[in-house]
């Protein structure tokens, strides 16, 4: 499954997350929502996938400037251990930094494309992930496509291994 964490979301995107539709967001950003189990309507709430403000995070203007120079990503932590039933907001927990071709850190990305795999890991409509089975999962952050002009297979990415412990629900 692949989706995007945009810079901002809207009521249209919120609706798309509930229905599993694809939406083009203002400014040309594309957000692809994963299918979700039946969920109640979210009324007019907006979903916030954005990385929170913190030291070292690039602004959108700075990202427009340095994003095309990024050749690799580094994510910390590289591994997580969670329990069955835990919910995690990856944008708050992970730091995804962009590096240039010399390995110099350019800053933390304010948003990124991502994909995830594994049994029992689901994306909720409010932007959190919930873990419902023991086992191994992978979360991969990628440089947003708007900053990458090369082949998709060469797009900079970084992966977090997630181990889910506890009983099966």
N, C-alpha and C. Protein backbone atom coordinates (compact mmCIF):
# COMPACT_ATOMS: atom_id res chain seq x y z
N UNK A 1 0.84 -1.17 0.00
CA UNK A 1 0.00 0.00 0.00
C UNK A 1 0.88 1.23 0.00
N UNK A 2 0.48 2.26 -0.72
CA UNK A 2 1.27 3.47 -0.76
C UNK A 2 0.34 4.67 -0.62
N UNK A 3 0.78 5.65 0.11
CA UNK A 3 0.00 6.85 0.30
C UNK A 3 0.95 8.00 0.55
N UNK A 4 0.44 9.20 0.73
CA UNK A 4 1.30 10.36 0.95
C UNK A 4 0.86 11.11 2.18
N UNK A 5 1.84 11.64 2.89
CA UNK A 5 1.56 12.60 3.95
C UNK A 5 1.78 13.94 3.32
N UNK A 6 0.72 14.69 3.15
CA UNK A 6 0.83 15.99 2.53
C UNK A 6 1.21 17.04 3.55
N UNK A 7 1.38 18.25 3.05
CA UNK A 7 1.73 19.37 3.93
C UNK A 7 0.50 19.79 4.73
N UNK A 8 -0.65 19.76 4.10
CA UNK A 8 -1.90 20.09 4.76
C UNK A 8 -2.98 19.15 4.22
N UNK A 9 -4.04 19.00 4.97
CA UNK A 9 -5.15 18.20 4.47
C UNK A 9 -6.42 19.03 4.56
N UNK A 10 -7.47 18.53 3.99
CA UNK A 10 -8.72 19.27 3.95
C UNK A 10 -9.88 18.34 4.24
N UNK A 11 -11.08 18.91 4.30
CA UNK A 11 -12.27 18.09 4.50
C UNK A 11 -12.44 17.12 3.34
N UNK A 12 -12.02 17.52 2.13
CA UNK A 12 -12.11 16.63 0.97
C UNK A 12 -11.23 15.41 1.20
N UNK A 13 -10.00 15.62 1.69
CA UNK A 13 -9.11 14.50 1.96
C UNK A 13 -9.66 13.65 3.09
N UNK A 14 -10.22 14.28 4.11
CA UNK A 14 -10.82 13.53 5.21
C UNK A 14 -11.88 12.59 4.68
N UNK A 15 -12.72 13.09 3.81
CA UNK A 15 -13.76 12.28 3.21
C UNK A 15 -13.15 11.15 2.39
N UNK A 16 -12.07 11.45 1.66
CA UNK A 16 -11.42 10.43 0.84
C UNK A 16 -10.83 9.34 1.72
N UNK A 17 -10.29 9.68 2.87
CA UNK A 17 -9.72 8.68 3.75
C UNK A 17 -10.78 7.71 4.23
N UNK A 18 -11.99 8.19 4.45
CA UNK A 18 -13.06 7.33 4.90
C UNK A 18 -13.54 6.42 3.76
N UNK A 19 -13.58 6.96 2.55
CA UNK A 19 -14.11 6.18 1.43
C UNK A 19 -13.04 5.39 0.68
N UNK A 20 -11.77 5.73 0.88
CA UNK A 20 -10.69 5.04 0.18
C UNK A 20 -10.47 5.56 -1.22
N UNK A 21 -10.89 6.79 -1.49
CA UNK A 21 -10.75 7.38 -2.82
C UNK A 21 -9.39 8.06 -2.97
N UNK A 22 -9.04 8.38 -4.20
CA UNK A 22 -7.83 9.15 -4.48
C UNK A 22 -8.22 10.60 -4.69
N UNK A 23 -7.40 11.53 -4.21
CA UNK A 23 -7.74 12.94 -4.29
C UNK A 23 -6.53 13.75 -4.69
N UNK A 24 -6.71 14.77 -5.52
CA UNK A 24 -5.64 15.72 -5.81
C UNK A 24 -5.86 16.91 -4.88
N UNK A 25 -4.86 17.20 -4.07
CA UNK A 25 -4.96 18.25 -3.07
C UNK A 25 -4.42 19.54 -3.67
N UNK A 26 -4.86 20.69 -3.15
CA UNK A 26 -4.42 22.00 -3.64
C UNK A 26 -2.90 22.05 -3.74
N UNK A 27 -2.40 22.77 -4.73
CA UNK A 27 -0.97 22.92 -4.90
C UNK A 27 -0.35 21.76 -5.67
N UNK A 28 -1.17 20.90 -6.26
CA UNK A 28 -0.65 19.81 -7.05
C UNK A 28 -0.19 18.60 -6.26
N UNK A 29 -0.33 18.61 -4.95
CA UNK A 29 0.06 17.45 -4.15
C UNK A 29 -0.99 16.36 -4.31
N UNK A 30 -0.53 15.15 -4.40
CA UNK A 30 -1.44 14.04 -4.56
C UNK A 30 -1.46 13.21 -3.28
N UNK A 31 -2.63 12.93 -2.79
CA UNK A 31 -2.77 12.07 -1.61
C UNK A 31 -3.57 10.86 -2.02
N UNK A 32 -3.04 9.68 -1.78
CA UNK A 32 -3.74 8.45 -2.09
C UNK A 32 -4.13 7.81 -0.77
N UNK A 33 -5.41 7.68 -0.55
CA UNK A 33 -5.90 7.12 0.71
C UNK A 33 -6.04 5.61 0.59
N UNK A 34 -5.61 4.91 1.62
CA UNK A 34 -5.76 3.45 1.63
C UNK A 34 -7.18 3.09 2.04
N UNK A 35 -7.70 1.95 1.56
CA UNK A 35 -9.03 1.54 1.98
C UNK A 35 -9.07 1.30 3.49
N UNK A 36 -10.11 1.75 4.11
CA UNK A 36 -10.26 1.61 5.55
C UNK A 36 -11.48 0.76 5.87
N UNK A 37 -11.50 0.15 7.04
CA UNK A 37 -12.72 -0.55 7.43
C UNK A 37 -13.82 0.48 7.62
N UNK A 38 -15.04 0.03 7.69
CA UNK A 38 -16.16 0.96 7.89
C UNK A 38 -15.87 1.88 9.06
N UNK A 39 -15.96 3.16 8.82
CA UNK A 39 -15.66 4.15 9.86
C UNK A 39 -16.78 5.17 9.89
N UNK A 40 -17.08 5.71 11.06
CA UNK A 40 -18.12 6.74 11.13
C UNK A 40 -17.64 8.00 10.42
N UNK A 41 -18.59 8.79 9.96
CA UNK A 41 -18.25 10.05 9.31
C UNK A 41 -17.43 10.92 10.26
N UNK A 42 -16.46 11.63 9.70
CA UNK A 42 -15.58 12.45 10.52
C UNK A 42 -16.07 13.88 10.65
N UNK A 43 -17.30 14.13 10.25
CA UNK A 43 -17.88 15.47 10.26
C UNK A 43 -16.96 16.42 9.53
N UNK A 44 -16.65 17.57 10.09
CA UNK A 44 -15.81 18.53 9.39
C UNK A 44 -14.39 18.56 9.92
N UNK A 45 -14.01 17.56 10.74
CA UNK A 45 -12.64 17.51 11.25
C UNK A 45 -11.67 17.33 10.09
N UNK A 46 -10.47 17.89 10.23
CA UNK A 46 -9.44 17.64 9.24
C UNK A 46 -8.43 16.68 9.84
N UNK A 47 -7.78 15.93 8.98
CA UNK A 47 -6.77 14.98 9.41
C UNK A 47 -5.41 15.63 9.22
N UNK A 48 -4.54 15.52 10.20
CA UNK A 48 -3.23 16.14 10.12
C UNK A 48 -2.15 15.07 10.07
N UNK A 49 -1.59 14.85 8.87
CA UNK A 49 -0.50 13.90 8.71
C UNK A 49 0.85 14.61 8.78
N UNK A 50 0.85 15.91 8.88
CA UNK A 50 2.09 16.67 8.82
C UNK A 50 3.00 16.40 10.00
N UNK A 51 4.29 16.49 9.74
CA UNK A 51 5.30 16.37 10.79
C UNK A 51 5.16 17.60 11.68
N UNK A 52 5.16 17.42 13.00
CA UNK A 52 5.01 18.58 13.90
C UNK A 52 6.20 19.52 13.82
N UNK A 53 5.96 20.79 14.18
CA UNK A 53 7.04 21.78 14.23
C UNK A 53 8.04 21.34 15.29
N UNK A 54 9.33 21.27 14.92
CA UNK A 54 10.39 20.96 15.87
C UNK A 54 11.72 21.40 15.25
N UNK A 55 12.74 21.48 16.10
CA UNK A 55 14.05 21.95 15.67
C UNK A 55 14.58 21.10 14.52
N UNK A 56 15.09 21.72 13.49
CA UNK A 56 15.68 21.01 12.36
C UNK A 56 14.71 20.69 11.25
N UNK A 57 13.41 20.92 11.46
CA UNK A 57 12.42 20.63 10.42
C UNK A 57 12.47 21.73 9.38
N UNK A 58 12.52 21.34 8.12
CA UNK A 58 12.55 22.31 7.04
C UNK A 58 11.18 22.95 6.85
N UNK A 59 11.18 24.21 6.49
CA UNK A 59 9.93 24.87 6.12
C UNK A 59 9.58 24.42 4.70
N UNK A 60 8.38 24.72 4.28
CA UNK A 60 7.99 24.35 2.92
C UNK A 60 8.85 25.07 1.90
N UNK A 61 9.14 26.35 2.13
CA UNK A 61 9.99 27.12 1.22
C UNK A 61 11.40 26.52 1.16
N UNK A 62 11.94 26.15 2.31
CA UNK A 62 13.28 25.54 2.34
C UNK A 62 13.26 24.19 1.63
N UNK A 63 12.18 23.44 1.79
CA UNK A 63 12.07 22.14 1.13
C UNK A 63 12.04 22.32 -0.38
N UNK A 64 11.35 23.35 -0.85
CA UNK A 64 11.32 23.62 -2.29
C UNK A 64 12.72 23.90 -2.81
N UNK A 65 13.56 24.51 -1.98
CA UNK A 65 14.93 24.85 -2.36
C UNK A 65 15.87 23.65 -2.30
N UNK A 66 15.86 22.90 -1.20
CA UNK A 66 16.84 21.81 -1.02
C UNK A 66 16.30 20.43 -1.39
N UNK A 67 14.99 20.27 -1.49
CA UNK A 67 14.41 18.97 -1.81
C UNK A 67 14.99 18.30 -3.04
N UNK A 68 15.14 19.04 -4.16
CA UNK A 68 15.70 18.41 -5.36
C UNK A 68 17.15 17.95 -5.21
N UNK A 69 17.87 18.44 -4.21
CA UNK A 69 19.26 18.01 -3.98
C UNK A 69 19.35 16.76 -3.11
N UNK A 70 18.25 16.32 -2.52
CA UNK A 70 18.28 15.16 -1.63
C UNK A 70 18.50 13.89 -2.43
N UNK A 71 19.46 13.09 -1.98
CA UNK A 71 19.80 11.84 -2.67
C UNK A 71 19.60 10.62 -1.78
N UNK A 72 19.38 10.84 -0.48
CA UNK A 72 19.15 9.73 0.45
C UNK A 72 18.31 10.24 1.61
N UNK A 73 17.63 9.32 2.30
CA UNK A 73 16.89 9.65 3.51
C UNK A 73 17.43 8.82 4.66
N UNK A 74 17.34 9.39 5.85
CA UNK A 74 17.71 8.67 7.08
C UNK A 74 16.54 8.83 8.05
N UNK A 75 16.11 7.72 8.62
CA UNK A 75 15.00 7.76 9.57
C UNK A 75 15.48 7.30 10.94
N UNK A 76 15.04 7.98 11.97
CA UNK A 76 15.32 7.56 13.35
C UNK A 76 14.01 7.59 14.12
N UNK A 77 13.75 6.59 14.92
CA UNK A 77 14.53 5.37 15.10
C UNK A 77 14.38 4.45 13.89
N UNK A 78 15.29 3.47 13.77
CA UNK A 78 15.23 2.54 12.64
C UNK A 78 14.41 1.30 12.98
N UNK A 79 14.09 1.13 14.26
CA UNK A 79 13.27 -0.02 14.68
C UNK A 79 12.36 0.40 15.82
N UNK A 80 11.17 -0.16 15.82
CA UNK A 80 10.18 0.10 16.87
C UNK A 80 9.67 -1.23 17.41
N UNK A 81 9.37 -1.26 18.70
CA UNK A 81 8.69 -2.40 19.30
C UNK A 81 7.41 -1.85 19.91
N UNK A 82 6.27 -2.40 19.46
CA UNK A 82 4.97 -1.97 19.95
C UNK A 82 4.21 -3.20 20.42
N UNK A 83 3.11 -2.98 21.11
CA UNK A 83 2.26 -4.08 21.58
C UNK A 83 0.98 -4.13 20.76
N UNK A 84 0.38 -5.30 20.70
CA UNK A 84 -0.92 -5.44 20.05
C UNK A 84 -1.88 -4.44 20.70
N UNK A 85 -2.61 -3.71 19.87
CA UNK A 85 -3.57 -2.72 20.36
C UNK A 85 -3.00 -1.31 20.43
N UNK A 86 -1.67 -1.15 20.33
CA UNK A 86 -1.07 0.18 20.36
C UNK A 86 -1.46 0.98 19.12
N UNK A 87 -1.58 2.28 19.29
CA UNK A 87 -1.76 3.18 18.16
C UNK A 87 -0.60 4.15 18.16
N UNK A 88 -0.08 4.44 16.98
CA UNK A 88 1.10 5.27 16.83
C UNK A 88 0.88 6.27 15.70
N UNK A 89 1.24 7.52 15.93
CA UNK A 89 1.24 8.54 14.89
C UNK A 89 2.69 8.66 14.40
N UNK A 90 2.99 8.03 13.27
CA UNK A 90 4.37 7.96 12.77
C UNK A 90 4.99 9.34 12.57
N UNK A 91 4.21 10.30 12.11
CA UNK A 91 4.75 11.64 11.85
C UNK A 91 5.31 12.27 13.12
N UNK A 92 4.74 11.94 14.27
CA UNK A 92 5.24 12.50 15.53
C UNK A 92 6.41 11.69 16.08
N UNK A 93 6.45 10.41 15.79
CA UNK A 93 7.45 9.52 16.37
C UNK A 93 8.75 9.48 15.59
N UNK A 94 8.65 9.50 14.26
CA UNK A 94 9.82 9.35 13.41
C UNK A 94 10.41 10.68 12.98
N UNK A 95 11.72 10.71 12.80
CA UNK A 95 12.41 11.85 12.19
C UNK A 95 12.98 11.35 10.87
N UNK A 96 12.51 11.94 9.78
CA UNK A 96 12.99 11.57 8.45
C UNK A 96 13.80 12.75 7.92
N UNK A 97 15.11 12.52 7.78
CA UNK A 97 16.02 13.58 7.35
C UNK A 97 16.51 13.31 5.93
N UNK A 98 16.66 14.39 5.17
CA UNK A 98 17.19 14.30 3.82
C UNK A 98 18.68 14.57 3.81
N UNK A 99 19.42 13.81 3.01
CA UNK A 99 20.87 13.97 2.87
C UNK A 99 21.21 14.24 1.41
N UNK A 100 22.26 15.04 1.20
CA UNK A 100 22.71 15.28 -0.17
C UNK A 100 23.65 14.17 -0.61
N UNK A 101 24.22 14.31 -1.80
CA UNK A 101 25.07 13.24 -2.34
C UNK A 101 26.35 13.03 -1.53
N UNK A 102 26.77 14.03 -0.74
CA UNK A 102 27.96 13.90 0.10
C UNK A 102 27.62 13.36 1.49
N UNK A 103 26.35 13.10 1.76
CA UNK A 103 25.93 12.58 3.06
C UNK A 103 25.68 13.66 4.10
N UNK A 104 25.64 14.92 3.68
CA UNK A 104 25.38 16.03 4.59
C UNK A 104 23.87 16.14 4.82
N UNK A 105 23.47 16.23 6.09
CA UNK A 105 22.05 16.35 6.43
C UNK A 105 21.55 17.73 6.03
N UNK A 106 20.50 17.76 5.21
CA UNK A 106 19.91 19.02 4.76
C UNK A 106 18.77 19.47 5.66
N UNK A 107 18.21 18.57 6.44
CA UNK A 107 17.13 18.89 7.37
C UNK A 107 16.07 17.81 7.40
N UNK A 108 15.15 17.96 8.35
CA UNK A 108 14.04 17.02 8.49
C UNK A 108 12.93 17.37 7.51
N UNK A 109 12.41 16.36 6.83
CA UNK A 109 11.33 16.58 5.88
C UNK A 109 10.04 16.94 6.60
N UNK A 110 9.31 17.95 6.11
CA UNK A 110 8.03 18.30 6.73
C UNK A 110 6.89 17.38 6.29
N UNK A 111 7.12 16.55 5.31
CA UNK A 111 6.14 15.59 4.83
C UNK A 111 6.84 14.63 3.89
N UNK A 112 6.27 13.43 3.69
CA UNK A 112 6.92 12.44 2.84
C UNK A 112 5.91 11.42 2.39
N UNK A 113 6.24 10.76 1.27
CA UNK A 113 5.43 9.64 0.80
C UNK A 113 5.77 8.45 1.70
N UNK A 114 4.86 7.52 1.81
CA UNK A 114 5.17 6.34 2.61
C UNK A 114 4.40 5.12 2.12
N UNK A 115 4.91 3.97 2.49
CA UNK A 115 4.22 2.72 2.26
C UNK A 115 4.45 1.85 3.48
N UNK A 116 3.62 0.86 3.67
CA UNK A 116 3.80 -0.04 4.81
C UNK A 116 3.33 -1.43 4.43
N UNK A 117 3.90 -2.41 5.12
CA UNK A 117 3.52 -3.79 4.84
C UNK A 117 3.60 -4.59 6.13
N UNK A 118 2.90 -5.70 6.13
CA UNK A 118 2.86 -6.57 7.29
C UNK A 118 1.43 -6.86 7.69
N UNK A 119 1.25 -7.91 8.44
CA UNK A 119 -0.10 -8.28 8.89
C UNK A 119 -0.50 -7.48 10.11
N UNK A 120 -1.70 -6.99 10.11
CA UNK A 120 -2.25 -6.36 11.30
C UNK A 120 -1.85 -4.92 11.53
N UNK A 121 -1.33 -4.24 10.52
CA UNK A 121 -0.98 -2.82 10.64
C UNK A 121 -1.95 -2.06 9.75
N UNK A 122 -2.76 -1.16 10.36
CA UNK A 122 -3.76 -0.42 9.60
C UNK A 122 -3.62 1.07 9.84
N UNK A 123 -3.91 1.85 8.81
CA UNK A 123 -3.93 3.30 8.91
C UNK A 123 -5.36 3.73 9.23
N UNK A 124 -5.52 4.47 10.34
CA UNK A 124 -6.84 4.95 10.73
C UNK A 124 -7.14 6.29 10.08
N UNK A 125 -8.40 6.67 10.05
CA UNK A 125 -8.82 7.91 9.41
C UNK A 125 -8.23 9.15 10.08
N UNK A 126 -7.80 9.05 11.34
CA UNK A 126 -7.25 10.23 12.01
C UNK A 126 -5.73 10.31 11.88
N UNK A 127 -5.12 9.45 11.05
CA UNK A 127 -3.69 9.52 10.79
C UNK A 127 -2.83 8.63 11.67
N UNK A 128 -3.44 7.88 12.58
CA UNK A 128 -2.67 6.97 13.43
C UNK A 128 -2.64 5.59 12.79
N UNK A 129 -1.63 4.81 13.17
CA UNK A 129 -1.57 3.41 12.80
C UNK A 129 -1.95 2.60 14.02
N UNK A 130 -2.68 1.51 13.81
CA UNK A 130 -3.03 0.61 14.89
C UNK A 130 -2.48 -0.77 14.53
N UNK A 131 -2.02 -1.48 15.55
CA UNK A 131 -1.40 -2.79 15.37
C UNK A 131 -2.29 -3.84 16.02
N UNK A 132 -2.79 -4.80 15.23
CA UNK A 132 -3.76 -5.76 15.74
C UNK A 132 -3.25 -7.21 15.80
N UNK A 133 -2.04 -7.48 15.34
CA UNK A 133 -1.48 -8.84 15.36
C UNK A 133 0.01 -8.79 15.67
N UNK A 134 0.48 -9.85 16.29
CA UNK A 134 1.91 -9.95 16.53
C UNK A 134 2.62 -10.22 15.21
N UNK A 135 3.89 -9.84 15.14
CA UNK A 135 4.67 -10.11 13.94
C UNK A 135 5.54 -8.93 13.56
N UNK A 136 6.00 -8.98 12.33
CA UNK A 136 6.90 -7.95 11.82
C UNK A 136 6.20 -7.12 10.75
N UNK A 137 6.46 -5.83 10.78
CA UNK A 137 5.92 -4.89 9.80
C UNK A 137 7.05 -3.99 9.33
N UNK A 138 6.82 -3.34 8.19
CA UNK A 138 7.79 -2.38 7.67
C UNK A 138 7.06 -1.11 7.30
N UNK A 139 7.68 0.03 7.63
CA UNK A 139 7.17 1.34 7.26
C UNK A 139 8.30 2.01 6.48
N UNK A 140 8.02 2.41 5.25
CA UNK A 140 9.04 3.02 4.40
C UNK A 140 8.64 4.44 4.05
N UNK A 141 9.50 5.39 4.39
CA UNK A 141 9.30 6.80 4.04
C UNK A 141 10.08 7.08 2.76
N UNK A 142 9.49 7.86 1.85
CA UNK A 142 10.14 8.21 0.59
C UNK A 142 10.10 9.71 0.37
N UNK A 143 11.13 10.21 -0.32
CA UNK A 143 11.15 11.61 -0.71
C UNK A 143 9.92 11.86 -1.58
N UNK A 144 9.15 12.93 -1.32
CA UNK A 144 7.97 13.19 -2.14
C UNK A 144 8.32 13.26 -3.63
N UNK A 145 7.47 12.70 -4.45
CA UNK A 145 7.72 12.63 -5.89
C UNK A 145 7.95 13.99 -6.52
N UNK A 146 7.39 15.05 -5.97
CA UNK A 146 7.57 16.38 -6.57
C UNK A 146 9.02 16.83 -6.54
N UNK A 147 9.86 16.21 -5.69
CA UNK A 147 11.27 16.57 -5.60
C UNK A 147 12.18 15.56 -6.28
N UNK A 148 11.64 14.50 -6.84
CA UNK A 148 12.46 13.46 -7.43
C UNK A 148 12.17 13.35 -8.91
N UNK A 149 13.19 13.50 -9.73
CA UNK A 149 13.02 13.45 -11.18
C UNK A 149 13.55 12.16 -11.79
N UNK A 150 14.18 11.32 -10.99
CA UNK A 150 14.75 10.07 -11.49
C UNK A 150 13.71 8.96 -11.55
N UNK A 151 14.22 7.74 -11.75
CA UNK A 151 13.35 6.57 -11.79
C UNK A 151 12.75 6.34 -10.40
N UNK A 152 11.51 5.88 -10.36
CA UNK A 152 10.84 5.61 -9.09
C UNK A 152 11.62 4.61 -8.26
N UNK A 153 12.25 3.64 -8.91
CA UNK A 153 13.01 2.63 -8.18
C UNK A 153 14.24 3.22 -7.48
N UNK A 154 14.70 4.39 -7.93
CA UNK A 154 15.86 5.05 -7.31
C UNK A 154 15.46 6.15 -6.33
N UNK A 155 14.16 6.33 -6.12
CA UNK A 155 13.67 7.40 -5.23
C UNK A 155 14.21 7.18 -3.82
N UNK A 156 14.83 8.21 -3.22
CA UNK A 156 15.39 8.05 -1.86
C UNK A 156 14.33 7.58 -0.87
N UNK A 157 14.71 6.61 -0.03
CA UNK A 157 13.77 6.07 0.96
C UNK A 157 14.53 5.59 2.19
N UNK A 158 13.81 5.39 3.26
CA UNK A 158 14.36 4.84 4.50
C UNK A 158 13.27 4.00 5.15
N UNK A 159 13.66 2.87 5.74
CA UNK A 159 12.68 1.92 6.27
C UNK A 159 12.84 1.73 7.78
N UNK A 160 11.70 1.61 8.46
CA UNK A 160 11.65 1.31 9.89
C UNK A 160 11.07 -0.09 10.04
N UNK A 161 11.75 -0.93 10.81
CA UNK A 161 11.24 -2.26 11.14
C UNK A 161 10.38 -2.14 12.39
N UNK A 162 9.20 -2.71 12.35
CA UNK A 162 8.28 -2.63 13.48
C UNK A 162 7.94 -4.04 13.95
N UNK A 163 8.25 -4.33 15.20
CA UNK A 163 7.93 -5.62 15.80
C UNK A 163 6.74 -5.43 16.73
N UNK A 164 5.71 -6.22 16.51
CA UNK A 164 4.51 -6.16 17.35
C UNK A 164 4.52 -7.36 18.28
N UNK A 165 4.49 -7.08 19.58
CA UNK A 165 4.52 -8.14 20.58
C UNK A 165 3.18 -8.21 21.30
N UNK A 166 2.88 -9.36 21.89
CA UNK A 166 1.65 -9.53 22.64
C UNK A 166 0.75 -10.53 21.97
N UNK A 167 -0.43 -10.77 22.53
CA UNK A 167 -1.37 -11.75 22.00
C UNK A 167 -2.09 -11.24 20.78
N UNK A 168 -2.62 -12.17 19.96
CA UNK A 168 -3.40 -11.82 18.77
C UNK A 168 -4.81 -11.45 19.19
N UNK A 169 -5.31 -10.35 18.64
CA UNK A 169 -6.69 -9.94 18.91
C UNK A 169 -7.63 -10.63 17.99
